[in-house]
Amino acid sequence: MRYLATGDNGGDPQLDVLLSKYVGVDLPQARAVADQQIQQCDANLSQQEAAQASAAASASAKASQAAVEAQASAQAFQDKAVHLAVEQKACGTIGGNVRENLFGDLCVSSNGGSTTDGSHTSCGYAQIGFLQDGTLDSAEIANIKSGYPGCFP
């Protein structure tokens, strides 16, 4: 290997003869062929090392991104739980139940019957949307109680 890399036969001309026979050309050309092969081998090794480093960096970046996403998801879940607790407290105060909804949670009447004004409107329609902070607007509570009497105590 040292001979192939340096061309130094260490005083053994037999190495030159063997290289020339192996490559199939005279010695000066054989030396050039060996040098080209060594350069190509080095280039291939460099490419492999670069590919491995790139793959390792990509895997590390993906793992970091997954950890960030997992943390964000956990935080969002925790935030939703806190928000839901605020909604449940506000809704429970007026005798309702929280109905989670894709477009915004609602406080719905827990009374399974009808309004007490004689219209026999189902209390299932008595619902109030929450404010951004999870509370209920007092004017909206008064409005829904007047429109659906007896549905929210």
Protein backbone atom coordinates (compact mmCIF):
# COMPACT_ATOMS: atom_id res chain seq x y z
CA MET A 1 0.00 0.00 0.00
CA ARG A 2 2.84 2.36 0.85
CA TYR A 3 4.41 1.62 -2.55
CA LEU A 4 1.16 2.30 -4.39
CA ALA A 5 0.62 5.56 -2.50
CA THR A 6 4.19 6.93 -2.82
CA GLY A 7 5.86 5.09 -5.72
CA ASP A 8 8.83 4.37 -3.44
CA ASN A 9 9.84 0.77 -4.10
CA GLY A 10 12.26 0.82 -1.17
CA GLY A 11 15.01 -0.48 -3.46
CA ASP A 12 12.98 -3.47 -4.68
CA PRO A 13 12.58 -3.17 -8.47
CA GLN A 14 10.35 -6.25 -8.43
CA LEU A 15 7.52 -4.03 -7.15
CA ASP A 16 7.82 -1.86 -10.29
CA VAL A 17 7.72 -4.92 -12.51
CA LEU A 18 4.68 -6.36 -10.71
CA LEU A 19 2.79 -3.05 -10.96
CA SER A 20 3.57 -2.75 -14.65
CA LYS A 21 2.38 -6.32 -15.32
CA TYR A 22 -0.77 -5.88 -13.20
CA VAL A 23 -1.81 -2.65 -14.94
CA GLY A 24 -0.77 -3.97 -18.37
CA VAL A 25 1.35 -0.99 -19.45
CA ASP A 26 4.96 0.10 -19.10
CA LEU A 27 6.16 1.48 -15.76
CA PRO A 28 5.70 5.27 -16.27
CA GLN A 29 2.13 4.74 -17.47
CA ALA A 30 1.50 2.18 -14.73
CA ARG A 31 2.53 4.76 -12.14
CA ALA A 32 0.06 7.28 -13.67
CA VAL A 33 -2.73 4.67 -13.65
CA ALA A 34 -2.03 3.86 -10.00
CA ASP A 35 -2.09 7.56 -9.11
CA GLN A 36 -5.42 8.03 -10.89
CA GLN A 37 -6.91 5.02 -9.12
CA ILE A 38 -5.71 6.31 -5.75
CA GLN A 39 -7.25 9.74 -6.45
CA GLN A 40 -10.53 8.12 -7.51
CA CYS A 41 -10.56 5.97 -4.38
CA ASP A 42 -9.95 9.05 -2.21
CA ALA A 43 -12.74 10.94 -3.99
CA ASN A 44 -15.16 8.02 -3.50
CA LEU A 45 -14.28 7.81 0.17
CA SER A 46 -14.82 11.57 0.57
CA GLN A 47 -18.23 11.28 -1.10
CA GLN A 48 -19.23 8.42 1.17
CA GLU A 49 -18.13 10.34 4.26
CA ALA A 50 -20.04 13.43 3.10
CA ALA A 51 -23.16 11.35 2.44
CA GLN A 52 -22.93 9.76 5.89
CA ALA A 53 -22.47 13.16 7.54
CA SER A 54 -25.42 14.55 5.59
CA ALA A 55 -27.60 11.60 6.56
CA ALA A 56 -26.63 11.96 10.22
CA ALA A 57 -27.36 15.71 10.13
CA SER A 58 -30.72 15.05 8.45
CA ALA A 59 -31.65 12.43 11.04
CA SER A 60 -30.64 14.78 13.84
CA ALA A 61 -32.70 17.61 12.34
CA LYS A 62 -35.72 15.33 11.97
CA ALA A 63 -35.37 14.18 15.58
CA SER A 64 -35.13 17.79 16.75
CA GLN A 65 -38.18 18.77 14.71
CA ALA A 66 -40.14 15.82 16.10
CA ALA A 67 -39.21 16.84 19.64
CA VAL A 68 -40.32 20.43 18.98
CA GLU A 69 -43.60 19.23 17.48
CA ALA A 70 -44.21 16.87 20.39
CA GLN A 71 -43.58 19.66 22.88
CA ALA A 72 -45.88 22.03 20.96
CA SER A 73 -48.57 19.35 20.83
CA ALA A 74 -48.27 18.70 24.56
CA GLN A 75 -48.47 22.45 25.25
CA ALA A 76 -51.53 22.81 23.01
CA PHE A 77 -53.19 19.89 24.80
CA GLN A 78 -52.42 21.46 28.19
CA ASP A 79 -53.69 24.88 27.01
CA LYS A 80 -56.92 23.27 25.74
CA ALA A 81 -57.41 21.49 29.08
CA VAL A 82 -56.99 24.76 31.01
CA HIS A 83 -59.36 26.56 28.62
CA LEU A 84 -61.93 23.77 28.92
CA ALA A 85 -61.79 23.99 32.73
CA VAL A 86 -62.58 27.73 32.51
CA GLU A 87 -65.49 26.99 30.15
CA GLN A 88 -66.85 24.24 32.40
CA LYS A 89 -66.77 26.55 35.41
CA ALA A 90 -68.54 29.37 33.55
CA CYS A 91 -71.12 27.05 32.01
CA GLY A 92 -71.72 25.10 35.22
CA THR A 93 -72.48 28.33 37.05
CA ILE A 94 -75.61 28.82 34.92
CA GLY A 95 -76.57 25.12 34.96
CA GLY A 96 -75.25 24.13 31.55
CA ASN A 97 -72.85 21.63 30.03
CA VAL A 98 -69.95 22.30 27.69
CA ARG A 99 -70.28 20.87 24.19
CA GLU A 100 -66.95 20.87 22.41
CA ASN A 101 -67.28 22.04 18.85
CA LEU A 102 -64.87 22.40 15.96
CA PHE A 103 -65.96 26.00 15.39
CA GLY A 104 -66.02 26.97 19.07
CA ASP A 105 -67.29 25.29 22.21
CA LEU A 106 -70.85 25.96 23.39
CA CYS A 107 -72.58 26.10 26.75
CA VAL A 108 -75.80 24.12 26.26
CA SER A 109 -78.74 23.70 28.57
CA SER A 110 -78.60 20.61 30.73
CA ASN A 111 -82.41 20.69 30.95
CA GLY A 112 -83.69 17.89 28.72
CA GLY A 113 -87.19 19.36 28.62
CA SER A 114 -88.85 22.35 26.99
CA THR A 115 -89.13 26.05 27.69
CA THR A 116 -91.54 27.11 30.45
CA ASP A 117 -93.30 29.82 28.41
CA GLY A 118 -95.80 27.47 26.82
CA SER A 119 -94.09 27.39 23.39
CA HIS A 120 -92.68 23.92 24.16
CA THR A 121 -89.42 24.80 22.43
CA SER A 122 -86.76 22.20 23.20
CA CYS A 123 -84.09 23.33 25.65
CA GLY A 124 -81.65 21.45 23.41
CA TYR A 125 -81.60 24.60 21.25
CA ALA A 126 -80.59 26.79 24.20
CA GLN A 127 -76.88 27.33 23.75
CA ILE A 128 -74.41 30.13 24.31
CA GLY A 129 -71.04 30.61 22.63
CA PHE A 130 -68.05 31.27 24.83
CA LEU A 131 -65.94 34.39 24.68
CA GLN A 132 -62.28 34.07 23.61
CA ASP A 133 -61.15 33.67 27.23
CA GLY A 134 -63.63 30.85 27.95
CA THR A 135 -66.14 32.94 29.89
CA LEU A 136 -69.73 33.82 28.98
CA ASP A 137 -71.11 37.27 28.17
CA SER A 138 -73.68 38.31 30.80
CA ALA A 139 -75.81 40.06 28.17
CA GLU A 140 -75.85 36.87 26.09
CA ILE A 141 -76.83 34.84 29.18
CA ALA A 142 -79.74 37.21 29.85
CA ASN A 143 -80.77 37.07 26.19
CA ILE A 144 -80.79 33.27 26.01
CA LYS A 145 -82.64 33.00 29.35
CA SER A 146 -85.37 35.31 28.05
CA GLY A 147 -85.60 33.45 24.72
CA TYR A 148 -85.52 30.00 26.33
CA PRO A 149 -87.17 30.49 29.73
CA GLY A 150 -86.59 27.68 32.17
CA CYS A 151 -83.77 26.09 30.17
CA PHE A 152 -81.03 27.71 32.24
CA PRO A 153 -82.02 28.07 35.91
